[in-house]
Every structure is written in C-alpha cells, then in structure tokens.
C-alpha atoms as a PDB file:
ATOM      1  CA  MET A   1       3.871 128.683 157.364  1.00  0.00           C
ATOM      2  CA  ALA A   2       4.423 125.457 155.468  1.00  0.00           C
ATOM      3  CA  THR A   3       1.339 123.987 153.829  1.00  0.00           C
ATOM      4  CA  LEU A   4       1.167 120.558 152.219  1.00  0.00           C
ATOM      5  CA  ARG A   5      -1.355 118.014 151.079  1.00  0.00           C
ATOM      6  CA  LEU A   6      -1.083 114.747 152.992  1.00  0.00           C
ATOM      7  CA  THR A   7      -0.706 111.911 150.532  1.00  0.00           C
ATOM      8  CA  PRO A   8      -1.117 108.178 151.214  1.00  0.00           C
ATOM      9  CA  ARG A   9       1.299 105.539 150.023  1.00  0.00           C
ATOM     10  CA  ALA A  10       1.065 101.733 150.064  1.00  0.00           C
ATOM     11  CA  ALA A  11      -0.795 100.095 152.982  1.00  0.00           C
ATOM     12  CA  GLY A  12      -2.380 103.390 153.941  1.00  0.00           C
ATOM     13  CA  LYS A  13       0.805 104.887 155.413  1.00  0.00           C
ATOM     14  CA  ILE A  14       1.487 108.612 155.227  1.00  0.00           C
ATOM     15  CA  VAL A  15       4.729 110.252 154.166  1.00  0.00           C
ATOM     16  CA  PHE A  16       5.626 113.771 155.312  1.00  0.00           C
ATOM     17  CA  PRO A  17       8.736 115.606 154.133  1.00  0.00           C
ATOM     18  CA  GLY A  18      11.377 115.147 156.814  1.00  0.00           C
ATOM     19  CA  LEU A  19       9.524 112.284 158.547  1.00  0.00           C
ATOM     20  CA  ILE A  20      12.544 109.998 158.538  1.00  0.00           C
ATOM     21  CA  ALA A  21      14.627 112.669 160.245  1.00  0.00           C
ATOM     22  CA  TRP A  22      11.949 113.126 162.910  1.00  0.00           C
ATOM     23  CA  LEU A  23      11.900 109.400 163.693  1.00  0.00           C
ATOM     24  CA  LEU A  24      15.670 109.415 164.148  1.00  0.00           C
ATOM     25  CA  LEU A  25      15.604 112.005 166.920  1.00  0.00           C
ATOM     26  CA  PRO A  26      17.550 110.587 169.884  1.00  0.00           C
ATOM     27  CA  LEU A  27      15.786 109.333 172.969  1.00  0.00           C
ATOM     28  CA  ALA A  28      16.834 110.980 176.210  1.00  0.00           C
ATOM     29  CA  ALA A  29      17.044 109.372 179.624  1.00  0.00           C
ATOM     30  CA  ALA A  30      14.428 111.098 181.748  1.00  0.00           C
ATOM     31  CA  THR A  31      10.640 110.897 181.523  1.00  0.00           C
ATOM     32  CA  PRO A  32       9.029 114.367 181.438  1.00  0.00           C
ATOM     33  CA  ALA A  33       5.927 115.236 183.454  1.00  0.00           C
ATOM     34  CA  ARG A  34       4.074 116.855 180.550  1.00  0.00           C
ATOM     35  CA  ALA A  35       2.427 114.433 178.175  1.00  0.00           C
ATOM     36  CA  CYS A  36      -0.471 114.329 175.728  1.00  0.00           C
ATOM     37  CA  THR A  37      -1.076 112.387 172.530  1.00  0.00           C
ATOM     38  CA  LEU A  38      -2.914 114.012 169.598  1.00  0.00           C
ATOM     39  CA  PHE A  39      -4.010 112.285 166.370  1.00  0.00           C
ATOM     40  CA  ALA A  40      -6.388 112.940 163.475  1.00  0.00           C
ATOM     41  CA  ALA A  41      -7.568 111.606 160.118  1.00  0.00           C
ATOM     42  CA  ALA A  42      -9.231 113.278 157.138  1.00  0.00           C
ATOM     43  CA  GLY A  43     -10.944 112.504 153.845  1.00  0.00           C
ATOM     44  CA  SER A  44     -10.750 108.952 152.514  1.00  0.00           C
ATOM     45  CA  MET A  45      -9.006 107.866 155.727  1.00  0.00           C
ATOM     46  CA  VAL A  46     -12.337 108.352 157.568  1.00  0.00           C
ATOM     47  CA  GLU A  47     -15.302 106.019 157.233  1.00  0.00           C
ATOM     48  CA  GLY A  48     -17.910 108.152 155.486  1.00  0.00           C
ATOM     49  CA  GLY A  49     -15.449 110.973 154.755  1.00  0.00           C
ATOM     50  CA  GLY A  50     -14.930 114.044 156.914  1.00  0.00           C
ATOM     51  CA  THR A  51     -12.548 114.121 159.887  1.00  0.00           C
ATOM     52  CA  ILE A  52     -11.760 112.448 163.210  1.00  0.00           C
ATOM     53  CA  ILE A  53      -9.592 114.101 165.852  1.00  0.00           C
ATOM     54  CA  ALA A  54      -8.534 112.812 169.284  1.00  0.00           C
ATOM     55  CA  LYS A  55      -6.570 113.853 172.359  1.00  0.00           C
ATOM     56  CA  ASN A  56      -5.454 111.931 175.436  1.00  0.00           C
ATOM     57  CA  ARG A  57      -4.938 114.397 178.294  1.00  0.00           C
ATOM     58  CA  ASP A  58      -1.989 113.269 180.432  1.00  0.00           C
ATOM     59  CA  ARG A  59      -0.865 115.127 183.561  1.00  0.00           C
ATOM     60  CA  SER A  60      -0.172 114.486 187.218  1.00  0.00           C
ATOM     61  CA  PRO A  61      -3.489 113.583 188.923  1.00  0.00           C
ATOM     62  CA  ARG A  62      -5.872 116.518 188.465  1.00  0.00           C
ATOM     63  CA  ARG A  63      -9.568 116.946 187.821  1.00  0.00           C
ATOM     64  CA  SER A  64     -11.207 117.574 184.449  1.00  0.00           C
ATOM     65  CA  ALA A  65     -14.752 118.493 183.419  1.00  0.00           C
ATOM     66  CA  LEU A  66     -16.800 119.588 180.418  1.00  0.00           C
ATOM     67  CA  ARG A  67     -17.842 123.213 180.307  1.00  0.00           C
ATOM     68  CA  VAL A  68     -19.879 125.349 177.900  1.00  0.00           C
ATOM     69  CA  PHE A  69     -18.515 128.818 177.150  1.00  0.00           C
ATOM     70  CA  ALA A  70     -20.587 131.640 175.650  1.00  0.00           C
ATOM     71  CA  PRO A  71     -18.220 134.584 175.132  1.00  0.00           C
ATOM     72  CA  ARG A  72     -19.929 137.898 174.442  1.00  0.00           C
ATOM     73  CA  ASP A  73     -17.809 138.593 171.367  1.00  0.00           C
ATOM     74  CA  GLY A  74     -17.030 135.086 170.178  1.00  0.00           C
ATOM     75  CA  PHE A  75     -18.330 131.644 169.281  1.00  0.00           C
ATOM     76  CA  LYS A  76     -19.979 129.391 171.832  1.00  0.00           C
ATOM     77  CA  HIS A  77     -17.897 126.300 172.536  1.00  0.00           C
ATOM     78  CA  LEU A  78     -17.911 123.088 174.524  1.00  0.00           C
ATOM     79  CA  ALA A  79     -14.546 122.413 176.132  1.00  0.00           C
ATOM     80  CA  LEU A  80     -12.664 119.931 178.235  1.00  0.00           C
ATOM     81  CA  VAL A  81     -11.203 122.001 181.069  1.00  0.00           C
ATOM     82  CA  ALA A  82      -8.858 121.575 183.996  1.00  0.00           C
ATOM     83  CA  THR A  83     -10.807 122.387 187.162  1.00  0.00           C
ATOM     84  CA  ASP A  84      -7.879 122.869 189.552  1.00  0.00           C
ATOM     85  CA  SER A  85      -8.531 126.616 189.385  1.00  0.00           C
ATOM     86  CA  PRO A  86     -12.363 126.807 189.272  1.00  0.00           C
ATOM     87  CA  ALA A  87     -12.351 130.589 188.847  1.00  0.00           C
ATOM     88  CA  ASP A  88     -10.386 130.329 185.588  1.00  0.00           C
ATOM     89  CA  PRO A  89     -10.737 126.861 184.020  1.00  0.00           C
ATOM     90  CA  ALA A  90      -8.461 126.487 181.031  1.00  0.00           C
ATOM     91  CA  ALA A  91      -9.676 124.709 177.889  1.00  0.00           C
ATOM     92  CA  VAL A  92      -7.370 121.905 176.745  1.00  0.00           C
ATOM     93  CA  ALA A  93      -9.738 120.616 174.024  1.00  0.00           C
ATOM     94  CA  GLY A  94     -12.992 121.846 172.549  1.00  0.00           C
ATOM     95  CA  ILE A  95     -15.438 122.274 169.680  1.00  0.00           C
ATOM     96  CA  ASN A  96     -17.287 125.464 168.844  1.00  0.00           C
ATOM     97  CA  GLU A  97     -20.702 126.091 167.333  1.00  0.00           C
ATOM     98  CA  LYS A  98     -19.165 126.412 163.846  1.00  0.00           C
ATOM     99  CA  GLY A  99     -17.632 122.927 164.018  1.00  0.00           C
ATOM    100  CA  LEU A 100     -13.998 123.872 164.646  1.00  0.00           C
ATOM    101  CA  VAL A 101     -12.270 121.385 166.957  1.00  0.00           C
ATOM    102  CA  VAL A 102      -9.088 122.344 168.826  1.00  0.00           C
ATOM    103  CA  VAL A 103      -6.886 120.114 171.007  1.00  0.00           C
ATOM    104  CA  ASP A 104      -3.543 121.009 172.536  1.00  0.00           C
ATOM    105  CA  ALA A 105      -0.370 119.562 174.056  1.00  0.00           C
ATOM    106  CA  LEU A 106       2.487 121.239 175.898  1.00  0.00           C
ATOM    107  CA  PRO A 107       6.141 120.783 174.928  1.00  0.00           C
ATOM    108  CA  SER A 108       8.163 118.642 177.305  1.00  0.00           C
ATOM    109  CA  SER A 109      11.421 119.328 175.469  1.00  0.00           C
ATOM    110  CA  LEU A 110      11.868 123.081 176.041  1.00  0.00           C
ATOM    111  CA  ALA A 111      14.531 124.605 178.238  1.00  0.00           C
ATOM    112  CA  SER A 112      12.912 125.613 181.540  1.00  0.00           C
ATOM    113  CA  GLU A 113      13.262 129.346 180.907  1.00  0.00           C
ATOM    114  CA  GLU A 114      11.349 129.015 177.614  1.00  0.00           C
ATOM    115  CA  GLU A 115       8.320 127.042 178.842  1.00  0.00           C
ATOM    116  CA  ASN A 116       5.948 129.848 179.827  1.00  0.00           C
ATOM    117  CA  CYS A 117       6.912 132.708 177.516  1.00  0.00           C
ATOM    118  CA  GLY A 118       4.080 134.411 175.652  1.00  0.00           C
ATOM    119  CA  ALA A 119       0.688 135.687 176.750  1.00  0.00           C
ATOM    120  CA  VAL A 120      -2.134 134.202 174.639  1.00  0.00           C
ATOM    121  CA  ALA A 121      -4.085 131.143 175.863  1.00  0.00           C
ATOM    122  CA  LEU A 122      -4.279 129.824 172.324  1.00  0.00           C
ATOM    123  CA  THR A 123      -6.802 126.972 172.601  1.00  0.00           C
ATOM    124  CA  GLN A 124      -9.478 129.194 174.116  1.00  0.00           C
ATOM    125  CA  ALA A 125      -8.726 131.999 171.675  1.00  0.00           C
ATOM    126  CA  LEU A 126      -9.032 129.758 168.611  1.00  0.00           C
ATOM    127  CA  LEU A 127     -12.320 128.268 169.793  1.00  0.00           C
ATOM    128  CA  SER A 128     -13.729 131.732 170.427  1.00  0.00           C
ATOM    129  CA  GLN A 129     -12.474 133.486 167.315  1.00  0.00           C
ATOM    130  CA  CYS A 130     -12.187 130.983 164.436  1.00  0.00           C
ATOM    131  CA  ALA A 131     -14.839 129.076 162.475  1.00  0.00           C
ATOM    132  CA  SER A 132     -12.600 126.803 160.378  1.00  0.00           C
ATOM    133  CA  VAL A 133      -9.093 125.435 159.934  1.00  0.00           C
ATOM    134  CA  ASP A 134      -8.443 128.030 157.226  1.00  0.00           C
ATOM    135  CA  GLU A 135      -9.393 130.828 159.621  1.00  0.00           C
ATOM    136  CA  VAL A 136      -7.014 129.418 162.245  1.00  0.00           C
ATOM    137  CA  LEU A 137      -4.118 129.340 159.784  1.00  0.00           C
ATOM    138  CA  ALA A 138      -4.866 132.889 158.676  1.00  0.00           C
ATOM    139  CA  ARG A 139      -4.397 134.181 162.232  1.00  0.00           C
ATOM    140  CA  ARG A 140      -0.608 134.269 162.179  1.00  0.00           C
ATOM    141  CA  GLU A 141      -0.492 137.157 164.645  1.00  0.00           C
ATOM    142  CA  LEU A 142      -2.532 135.132 167.146  1.00  0.00           C
ATOM    143  CA  LEU A 143      -0.478 131.965 166.705  1.00  0.00           C
ATOM    144  CA  GLY A 144       2.783 133.837 167.115  1.00  0.00           C
ATOM    145  CA  ALA A 145       1.607 135.540 170.314  1.00  0.00           C
ATOM    146  CA  SER A 146       0.940 132.250 172.131  1.00  0.00           C
ATOM    147  CA  TYR A 147       3.071 130.570 174.742  1.00  0.00           C
ATOM    148  CA  PRO A 148       4.908 127.510 173.306  1.00  0.00           C
ATOM    149  CA  VAL A 149       2.302 124.861 172.542  1.00  0.00           C
ATOM    150  CA  PHE A 150       1.199 122.269 170.003  1.00  0.00           C
ATOM    151  CA  GLU A 151      -2.315 122.688 168.589  1.00  0.00           C
ATOM    152  CA  MET A 152      -4.195 120.222 166.395  1.00  0.00           C
ATOM    153  CA  VAL A 153      -7.324 121.567 164.704  1.00  0.00           C
ATOM    154  CA  ALA A 154     -10.064 120.088 162.537  1.00  0.00           C
ATOM    155  CA  ASP A 155     -13.276 121.072 160.801  1.00  0.00           C
ATOM    156  CA  ARG A 156     -15.461 118.949 158.498  1.00  0.00           C
ATOM    157  CA  HIS A 157     -12.989 119.144 155.626  1.00  0.00           C
ATOM    158  CA  LYS A 158      -9.390 119.233 156.833  1.00  0.00           C
ATOM    159  CA  VAL A 159      -6.995 118.838 159.738  1.00  0.00           C
ATOM    160  CA  ALA A 160      -3.833 120.701 160.731  1.00  0.00           C
ATOM    161  CA  VAL A 161      -1.140 120.608 163.396  1.00  0.00           C
ATOM    162  CA  ILE A 162       0.521 123.815 164.563  1.00  0.00           C
ATOM    163  CA  GLU A 163       3.830 123.936 166.437  1.00  0.00           C
ATOM    164  CA  VAL A 164       4.434 127.163 168.346  1.00  0.00           C
ATOM    165  CA  ALA A 165       8.005 127.563 169.589  1.00  0.00           C
ATOM    166  CA  PRO A 166       9.567 130.352 171.680  1.00  0.00           C
ATOM    167  CA  ARG A 167       9.877 133.847 170.194  1.00  0.00           C
ATOM    168  CA  GLY A 168       6.817 133.461 167.977  1.00  0.00           C
ATOM    169  CA  GLN A 169       8.186 130.739 165.710  1.00  0.00           C
ATOM    170  CA  VAL A 170       5.344 128.803 164.043  1.00  0.00           C
ATOM    171  CA  ALA A 171       5.275 125.733 161.778  1.00  0.00           C
ATOM    172  CA  VAL A 172       2.172 124.132 160.253  1.00  0.00           C
ATOM    173  CA  ARG A 173       1.154 120.913 158.484  1.00  0.00           C
ATOM    174  CA  VAL A 174      -2.329 120.815 156.963  1.00  0.00           C
ATOM    175  CA  GLY A 175      -4.299 118.565 154.633  1.00  0.00           C
ATOM    176  CA  ASP A 176      -7.708 117.291 153.565  1.00  0.00           C
ATOM    177  CA  GLN A 177      -6.503 113.716 153.019  1.00  0.00           C
ATOM    178  CA  GLY A 178      -4.378 111.638 155.385  1.00  0.00           C
ATOM    179  CA  LEU A 179      -3.247 111.378 158.989  1.00  0.00           C
ATOM    180  CA  LEU A 180      -1.612 113.650 161.539  1.00  0.00           C
ATOM    181  CA  TYR A 181      -0.246 112.779 164.958  1.00  0.00           C
ATOM    182  CA  HIS A 182       1.806 114.571 167.592  1.00  0.00           C
ATOM    183  CA  THR A 183       3.064 114.234 171.154  1.00  0.00           C
ATOM    184  CA  ASN A 184       5.254 116.637 173.174  1.00  0.00           C
ATOM    185  CA  HIS A 185       8.397 117.470 171.209  1.00  0.00           C
ATOM    186  CA  TYR A 186       9.030 119.579 168.112  1.00  0.00           C
ATOM    187  CA  LEU A 187       8.952 117.717 164.794  1.00  0.00           C
ATOM    188  CA  ASP A 188       9.317 120.396 162.128  1.00  0.00           C
ATOM    189  CA  PRO A 189      12.976 120.499 160.980  1.00  0.00           C
ATOM    190  CA  ARG A 190      13.043 124.295 161.421  1.00  0.00           C
ATOM    191  CA  LEU A 191      12.114 124.020 165.111  1.00  0.00           C
ATOM    192  CA  LEU A 192      14.252 121.086 166.236  1.00  0.00           C
ATOM    193  CA  GLY A 193      16.537 123.481 168.120  1.00  0.00           C
ATOM    194  CA  ALA A 194      13.729 123.979 170.660  1.00  0.00           C
ATOM    195  CA  ASN A 195      14.165 120.349 171.799  1.00  0.00           C
ATOM    196  CA  GLN A 196      16.543 121.100 174.661  1.00  0.00           C
ATOM    197  CA  LYS A 197      15.329 118.700 177.363  1.00  0.00           C
ATOM    198  CA  ALA A 198      14.668 114.971 177.634  1.00  0.00           C
ATOM    199  CA  TYR A 199      11.528 113.733 175.892  1.00  0.00           C
ATOM    200  CA  ASP A 200      11.767 109.936 175.878  1.00  0.00           C
ATOM    201  CA  SER A 201       8.095 109.308 176.754  1.00  0.00           C
ATOM    202  CA  SER A 202       7.052 111.686 173.983  1.00  0.00           C
ATOM    203  CA  SER A 203       9.192 109.779 171.477  1.00  0.00           C
ATOM    204  CA  VAL A 204       7.851 106.393 172.596  1.00  0.00           C
ATOM    205  CA  ARG A 205       4.232 107.549 172.294  1.00  0.00           C
ATOM    206  CA  TYR A 206       4.899 109.236 168.956  1.00  0.00           C
ATOM    207  CA  ARG A 207       6.286 106.019 167.492  1.00  0.00           C
ATOM    208  CA  ARG A 208       3.486 103.927 168.966  1.00  0.00           C
ATOM    209  CA  ILE A 209       0.582 106.034 167.681  1.00  0.00           C
ATOM    210  CA  GLY A 210       2.266 106.040 164.263  1.00  0.00           C
ATOM    211  CA  GLN A 211       2.447 102.249 164.367  1.00  0.00           C
ATOM    212  CA  LEU A 212      -1.204 101.903 165.354  1.00  0.00           C
ATOM    213  CA  LEU A 213      -2.385 104.262 162.636  1.00  0.00           C
ATOM    214  CA  SER A 214      -0.309 102.594 159.921  1.00  0.00           C
ATOM    215  CA  ARG A 215      -1.294  99.018 160.853  1.00  0.00           C
ATOM    216  CA  GLN A 216      -5.031  99.590 161.105  1.00  0.00           C
ATOM    217  CA  ARG A 217      -7.252  98.606 158.187  1.00  0.00           C
ATOM    218  CA  LEU A 218      -8.671 101.730 156.567  1.00  0.00           C
ATOM    219  CA  PRO A 219     -10.852 103.716 156.776  1.00  0.00           C
ATOM    220  CA  PHE A 220     -11.022 104.760 160.443  1.00  0.00           C
ATOM    221  CA  ALA A 221     -14.111 105.081 162.627  1.00  0.00           C
ATOM    222  CA  LEU A 222     -14.627 106.509 166.108  1.00  0.00           C
ATOM    223  CA  GLU A 223     -14.241 103.033 167.608  1.00  0.00           C
ATOM    224  CA  ASP A 224     -10.742 102.737 166.127  1.00  0.00           C
ATOM    225  CA  PHE A 225      -9.602 106.021 167.622  1.00  0.00           C
ATOM    226  CA  LEU A 226     -11.105 105.048 170.973  1.00  0.00           C
ATOM    227  CA  ALA A 227      -9.149 101.787 170.896  1.00  0.00           C
ATOM    228  CA  PHE A 228      -5.920 103.649 170.089  1.00  0.00           C
ATOM    229  CA  SER A 229      -6.529 106.012 173.021  1.00  0.00           C
ATOM    230  CA  GLN A 230      -6.662 103.022 175.382  1.00  0.00           C
ATOM    231  CA  ASP A 231      -3.407 101.405 174.206  1.00  0.00           C
ATOM    232  CA  ARG A 232      -1.048 100.386 177.074  1.00  0.00           C
ATOM    233  CA  HIS A 233       1.691  98.753 175.020  1.00  0.00           C
ATOM    234  CA  ASP A 234       4.599 100.627 176.628  1.00  0.00           C
ATOM    235  CA  GLY A 235       3.900 100.368 180.333  1.00  0.00           C
ATOM    236  CA  PRO A 236       2.442 102.686 182.976  1.00  0.00           C
ATOM    237  CA  ASP A 237       4.592 105.741 182.219  1.00  0.00           C
ATOM    238  CA  ASN A 238       5.163 105.658 178.452  1.00  0.00           C
ATOM    239  CA  SER A 239       1.972 104.269 176.909  1.00  0.00           C
ATOM    240  CA  ILE A 240      -0.629 106.259 175.003  1.00  0.00           C
ATOM    241  CA  ASN A 241      -2.971 105.400 177.882  1.00  0.00           C
ATOM    242  CA  ARG A 242      -0.872 105.931 180.980  1.00  0.00           C
ATOM    243  CA  THR A 243      -1.787 104.534 184.376  1.00  0.00           C
ATOM    244  CA  GLY A 244       1.228 105.923 186.277  1.00  0.00           C
ATOM    245  CA  SER A 245       3.762 103.779 188.123  1.00  0.00           C
ATOM    246  CA  THR A 246       3.075 105.670 191.369  1.00  0.00           C
ATOM    247  CA  PRO A 247      -0.014 107.487 192.746  1.00  0.00           C
ATOM    248  CA  THR A 248       1.514 110.877 191.863  1.00  0.00           C
ATOM    249  CA  GLU A 249       2.953 109.980 188.445  1.00  0.00           C
ATOM    250  CA  THR A 250       1.611 111.432 185.187  1.00  0.00           C
ATOM    251  CA  ARG A 251      -1.404 109.504 183.917  1.00  0.00           C
ATOM    252  CA  THR A 252      -4.192 109.731 181.324  1.00  0.00           C
ATOM    253  CA  LEU A 253      -6.926 111.851 182.886  1.00  0.00           C
ATOM    254  CA  ALA A 254      -9.270 112.234 179.916  1.00  0.00           C
ATOM    255  CA  THR A 255      -9.853 111.296 176.279  1.00  0.00           C
ATOM    256  CA  TRP A 256     -11.534 113.648 173.789  1.00  0.00           C
ATOM    257  CA  ILE A 257     -12.678 112.445 170.335  1.00  0.00           C
ATOM    258  CA  VAL A 258     -14.791 114.261 167.731  1.00  0.00           C
ATOM    259  CA  VAL A 259     -16.032 112.796 164.436  1.00  0.00           C
ATOM    260  CA  GLN A 260     -17.452 115.084 161.758  1.00  0.00           C
ATOM    261  CA  LEU A 261     -19.055 113.419 158.735  1.00  0.00           C
ATOM    262  CA  PRO A 262     -20.710 115.123 155.737  1.00  0.00           C
ATOM    263  CA  GLY A 263     -24.340 115.996 156.432  1.00  0.00           C
ATOM    264  CA  LYS A 264     -24.271 114.887 160.076  1.00  0.00           C
ATOM    265  CA  ALA A 265     -23.960 116.707 163.386  1.00  0.00           C
ATOM    266  CA  PRO A 266     -20.572 116.292 165.108  1.00  0.00           C
ATOM    267  CA  ARG A 267     -20.293 113.228 167.318  1.00  0.00           C
ATOM    268  CA  VAL A 268     -18.421 113.829 170.574  1.00  0.00           C
ATOM    269  CA  LEU A 269     -17.018 111.147 172.870  1.00  0.00           C
ATOM    270  CA  VAL A 270     -15.302 112.170 176.100  1.00  0.00           C
ATOM    271  CA  ARG A 271     -13.922 109.896 178.799  1.00  0.00           C
ATOM    272  CA  ILE A 272     -13.013 111.564 182.114  1.00  0.00           C
ATOM    273  CA  ALA A 273     -11.096 109.681 184.815  1.00  0.00           C
ATOM    274  CA  ASN A 274     -10.830 112.068 187.756  1.00  0.00           C
ATOM    275  CA  PRO A 275      -8.673 110.906 190.694  1.00  0.00           C
ATOM    276  CA  GLY A 276     -10.759 109.086 193.287  1.00  0.00           C
ATOM    277  CA  GLU A 277     -13.937 109.115 191.176  1.00  0.00           C
ATOM    278  CA  ARG A 278     -15.746 106.674 188.934  1.00  0.00           C
ATOM    279  CA  GLN A 279     -15.026 107.124 185.233  1.00  0.00           C
ATOM    280  CA  LYS A 280     -17.475 109.314 183.296  1.00  0.00           C
ATOM    281  CA  ILE A 281     -18.232 108.794 179.607  1.00  0.00           C
ATOM    282  CA  TYR A 282     -20.122 111.292 177.421  1.00  0.00           C
ATOM    283  CA  ASN A 283     -21.170 110.135 173.941  1.00  0.00           C
ATOM    284  CA  PHE A 284     -23.556 112.376 172.001  1.00  0.00           C
ATOM    285  CA  ARG A 285     -24.193 114.374 168.833  1.00  0.00           C
ATOM    286  CA  LEU A 286     -23.959 118.146 168.867  1.00  0.00           C
ATOM    287  CA  GLU A 287     -27.192 118.905 167.043  1.00  0.00           C
ATOM    288  CA  PRO A 288     -27.749 122.625 166.322  1.00  0.00           C
ATOM    289  CA  ALA A 289     -30.398 122.831 169.044  1.00  0.00           C
ATOM    290  CA  TRP A 290     -27.906 121.544 171.619  1.00  0.00           C
ATOM    291  CA  TRP A 291     -26.108 124.857 171.825  1.00  0.00           C
ATOM    292  CA  ALA A 292     -29.187 126.561 173.256  1.00  0.00           C
ATOM    293  CA  LYS A 293     -30.042 123.651 175.540  1.00  0.00           C
ATOM    294  CA  GLY A 294     -26.471 123.063 176.669  1.00  0.00           C
ATOM    295  CA  LEU A 295     -26.054 126.651 177.803  1.00  0.00           C
ATOM    296  CA  LYS A 296     -28.552 126.044 180.612  1.00  0.00           C
ATOM    297  CA  GLU A 297     -25.850 124.103 182.437  1.00  0.00           C
ATOM    298  CA  LYS A 298     -22.423 125.688 182.334  1.00  0.00           C
ATOM    299  CA  LEU A 299     -20.503 122.759 183.811  1.00  0.00           C
ATOM    300  CA  LEU A 300     -21.483 119.240 182.696  1.00  0.00           C
END
C-alpha cells in the first residue's frame, strides 16, 4: 500500500504524486450507469480541525433509508442502505460507534466480466470490524478479498481512499492534512489498466469536485460540503447532483456527510430523495447515549 501525507500548496490546492497524469485520462463517449462522488477534508482544511467526509449516492431510481446495525461480534453502526432487497439491505455509507466513517463507490470503468468478482461486502465489514483509519489500512487481507470498489474512510484524525481492483489489487492514499476526492474510475497509476470501459461522467464529476474544493475559501465547514453535494454545473446526467434526463436515468438518491471535530460528538447530515416521496433530511449529533437509544428503532 502507498502511504503519503497530503500537503497543501498555494491557494489551498492539493498536489498528489501522479495527479497530472490522472487528469489527462481520456474521456470516453458513453455515460455509465454507476455513479457516486466521494470527497473529504482533514486537519487545517476543516474549520475547527478534525475531518469532514461526504458521499453523493447516484444510481437508477431506488429507495434508500437509514438503518442501525448491532452485530453480535462487531461494532454498532448507523448506515445508509439500499432498501430494494429488504431482507439484506446493503450499507453504502456509515459511521460506527468508534467514530469510523466509511463511504463507497463502484467502478464504472471495469470490463463487464470483472465487475462482480470477489466475495466480501467491504463497507459493512469495515464498519463492523474496524475502529479507525489505521485499523482499516492494517486489514490488507480484508481489502484484498473485496469485490472491486472504491472506499473512502475517516476518523477524527485522518482520511484515506482505497481503490480495490480485480484480483485483490489494492492502492491507498491517506493523510491527516489535506483533501481527497474520488468518483468511479481508477486513479492510482498502478491500477489504470482496470479502466477498460467508458467513464465520461466519472471524469466530469472528478474534475468538477476538484474545482469546487480548490476554489473554496478555507477552511471547510459542513455547509460547504453540503453546497458542493448540490452542484448541478454539468447538467442532469453528469453533475455532482444529478437529476437524470429521463425518469429512469441515474440520479442522486442520497447525500451523506459526517463532520468530526476535536472534543465534539460526530455531526451527521443525511439527505434522502426516494423516488415518488418527499425529501427527508436528518441532521443530528451522535452523542454516546444515542447508540443505546437509536437501537430501539432499527430502520429510521
């Protein structure tokens, strides 16, 4: 795994090794159905210190909900889940009782035969088994056993993005100062060969969230990340907040944001826009007592 400290340069921009090469990846012609935008900030980039992490969940129209999980042999966690299969709701974002936040995105650039290889549902596993970013990064055997996926994780002190490619290939960027952002194609130079299919929407959103993060006056607060999550600069099918050009087109179904500041309980903001329903917004602090109270209602 590659580990680096994120370092700011002039105007609050962040430089990663190989970033220029990533931005020069060619755009392809078709718009993929899979889409999510992930972004995070840490340290002096955050108002009050700590971390902020966000995910826009983009898929074809499906329902989402918040659910509390209390595994017998793991950490309790609050998760954003897809409710299309009520018997087995899958977590796509969450925070556990130790303060670890996990959000995910699926690759849109893989060859079709590579998309579903692997057995571990990584987001749920990390929330259940890990208490910090360092513990996540130490679980190489777990990361390598996952299906191809992008995971962004945060605790109170640092943030990391993990790219899992076919055949157990894993690349990591981690830091306690700076910014991270990701969409739906592989960025690490060692994994670029996994980008086999068109990913134009992913590239457009990747560039746009980078622009928004670099132009914003520092440091960032929850309100800034919420504004970024609502950006519609690039139209109904390519924006960070997608509305879909047709009733069945991929759209933004939910937004998940968690702020963790020193000495304060995590603040969680979730926006859920289920098809055919009025928008729901949850905005609260996860005080220690919440975990006992929240378990009285499994599905929020």
